[in-house]
Amino acid sequence: MMSKKGMSPLIATVLLIAFAVAIGAMIMNWTSNVSQDHNVDYCEGISLMAVQPACMSRNQVQLSLKNNDQ
C-alpha cells in the first residue's frame, strides 16, 4: 500500500510556471480590455481662465482657475 510515487519535482516546476504564465496572460488581456473601454477625451469643450495671478512660494505654484464653458 505504501508504493505510491509522488510527482517529479521537474514536472511540478514546469506546471507551476505554465500556470503562472497563463494567469499573467489572462490578467494582461483583461486589463487591456478594461483600459480600452474607458478611453474618453475629457478635455473636449473645456475653457480655463486664471482667476488670480499665479504665485510661487517655497517651490510651490498656486493657481486659481475657472471653467469658462459653463
C-alpha atoms as a PDB file:
ATOM      1  CA  MET A   1       0.000   0.000   0.000  1.00  0.00           C
ATOM      2  CA  MET A   2       2.890   2.382   0.570  1.00  0.00           C
ATOM      3  CA  SER A   3       4.204   2.043  -3.005  1.00  0.00           C
ATOM      4  CA  LYS A   4       2.604   5.291  -4.298  1.00  0.00           C
ATOM      5  CA  LYS A   5       5.020   7.634  -6.038  1.00  0.00           C
ATOM      6  CA  GLY A   6       4.822  11.412  -5.992  1.00  0.00           C
ATOM      7  CA  MET A   7       5.100  13.821  -8.885  1.00  0.00           C
ATOM      8  CA  SER A   8       8.586  14.600 -10.149  1.00  0.00           C
ATOM      9  CA  PRO A   9       9.911  17.974  -8.921  1.00  0.00           C
ATOM     10  CA  LEU A  10      10.765  18.915 -12.520  1.00  0.00           C
ATOM     11  CA  ILE A  11       7.199  18.258 -13.713  1.00  0.00           C
ATOM     12  CA  ALA A  12       5.808  20.189 -10.738  1.00  0.00           C
ATOM     13  CA  THR A  13       8.048  23.173 -11.532  1.00  0.00           C
ATOM     14  CA  VAL A  14       7.032  23.169 -15.208  1.00  0.00           C
ATOM     15  CA  LEU A  15       3.352  23.005 -14.260  1.00  0.00           C
ATOM     16  CA  LEU A  16       3.699  25.892 -11.781  1.00  0.00           C
ATOM     17  CA  ILE A  17       5.480  28.070 -14.349  1.00  0.00           C
ATOM     18  CA  ALA A  18       2.855  27.274 -17.001  1.00  0.00           C
ATOM     19  CA  PHE A  19       0.089  28.125 -14.546  1.00  0.00           C
ATOM     20  CA  ALA A  20       1.726  31.449 -13.626  1.00  0.00           C
ATOM     21  CA  VAL A  21       2.198  32.385 -17.296  1.00  0.00           C
ATOM     22  CA  ALA A  22      -1.417  31.520 -18.103  1.00  0.00           C
ATOM     23  CA  ILE A  23      -2.730  33.611 -15.184  1.00  0.00           C
ATOM     24  CA  GLY A  24      -0.470  36.522 -16.203  1.00  0.00           C
ATOM     25  CA  ALA A  25      -1.730  36.379 -19.799  1.00  0.00           C
ATOM     26  CA  MET A  26      -5.336  36.394 -18.614  1.00  0.00           C
ATOM     27  CA  ILE A  27      -4.733  39.422 -16.363  1.00  0.00           C
ATOM     28  CA  MET A  28      -2.929  41.325 -19.141  1.00  0.00           C
ATOM     29  CA  ASN A  29      -5.767  40.610 -21.558  1.00  0.00           C
ATOM     30  CA  TRP A  30      -8.393  41.702 -19.035  1.00  0.00           C
ATOM     31  CA  THR A  31      -6.594  44.951 -18.110  1.00  0.00           C
ATOM     32  CA  SER A  32      -6.056  45.918 -21.756  1.00  0.00           C
ATOM     33  CA  ASN A  33      -9.774  45.423 -22.432  1.00  0.00           C
ATOM     34  CA  VAL A  34     -10.731  47.492 -19.380  1.00  0.00           C
ATOM     35  CA  SER A  35      -8.422  50.375 -20.341  1.00  0.00           C
ATOM     36  CA  GLN A  36      -9.798  50.445 -23.910  1.00  0.00           C
ATOM     37  CA  ASP A  37     -13.385  50.680 -22.631  1.00  0.00           C
ATOM     38  CA  HIS A  38     -12.611  53.868 -20.667  1.00  0.00           C
ATOM     39  CA  ASN A  39     -10.688  55.738 -23.361  1.00  0.00           C
ATOM     40  CA  VAL A  40     -12.639  59.033 -23.292  1.00  0.00           C
ATOM     41  CA  ASP A  41     -11.434  62.504 -24.220  1.00  0.00           C
ATOM     42  CA  TYR A  42     -12.144  64.536 -21.075  1.00  0.00           C
ATOM     43  CA  CYS A  43     -10.559  67.749 -22.384  1.00  0.00           C
ATOM     44  CA  GLU A  44     -13.203  68.403 -25.007  1.00  0.00           C
ATOM     45  CA  GLY A  45     -15.061  71.692 -24.501  1.00  0.00           C
ATOM     46  CA  ILE A  46     -13.018  72.976 -21.558  1.00  0.00           C
ATOM     47  CA  SER A  47     -12.022  76.633 -21.449  1.00  0.00           C
ATOM     48  CA  LEU A  48      -9.999  77.706 -18.409  1.00  0.00           C
ATOM     49  CA  MET A  49      -9.302  81.225 -17.164  1.00  0.00           C
ATOM     50  CA  ALA A  50      -6.920  82.290 -14.389  1.00  0.00           C
ATOM     51  CA  VAL A  51      -8.976  83.963 -11.638  1.00  0.00           C
ATOM     52  CA  GLN A  52      -5.915  85.348  -9.838  1.00  0.00           C
ATOM     53  CA  PRO A  53      -2.308  85.692 -10.952  1.00  0.00           C
ATOM     54  CA  ALA A  54      -0.156  82.680 -10.181  1.00  0.00           C
ATOM     55  CA  CYS A  55       2.128  82.976  -7.188  1.00  0.00           C
ATOM     56  CA  MET A  56       5.111  80.913  -6.121  1.00  0.00           C
ATOM     57  CA  SER A  57       6.311  80.324  -2.578  1.00  0.00           C
ATOM     58  CA  ARG A  58       8.607  77.631  -1.187  1.00  0.00           C
ATOM     59  CA  ASN A  59       8.873  75.878  -4.576  1.00  0.00           C
ATOM     60  CA  GLN A  60       5.087  75.595  -4.868  1.00  0.00           C
ATOM     61  CA  VAL A  61       2.949  77.260  -7.507  1.00  0.00           C
ATOM     62  CA  GLN A  62      -0.594  78.261  -6.557  1.00  0.00           C
ATOM     63  CA  LEU A  63      -3.217  78.766  -9.259  1.00  0.00           C
ATOM     64  CA  SER A  64      -6.881  79.687  -9.161  1.00  0.00           C
ATOM     65  CA  LEU A  65      -8.716  78.557 -12.307  1.00  0.00           C
ATOM     66  CA  LYS A  66     -12.276  78.940 -13.502  1.00  0.00           C
ATOM     67  CA  ASN A  67     -14.044  76.973 -16.256  1.00  0.00           C
ATOM     68  CA  ASN A  68     -15.444  79.493 -18.773  1.00  0.00           C
ATOM     69  CA  ASP A  69     -17.517  76.874 -20.561  1.00  0.00           C
ATOM     70  CA  GLN A  70     -20.433  76.979 -18.112  1.00  0.00           C
END
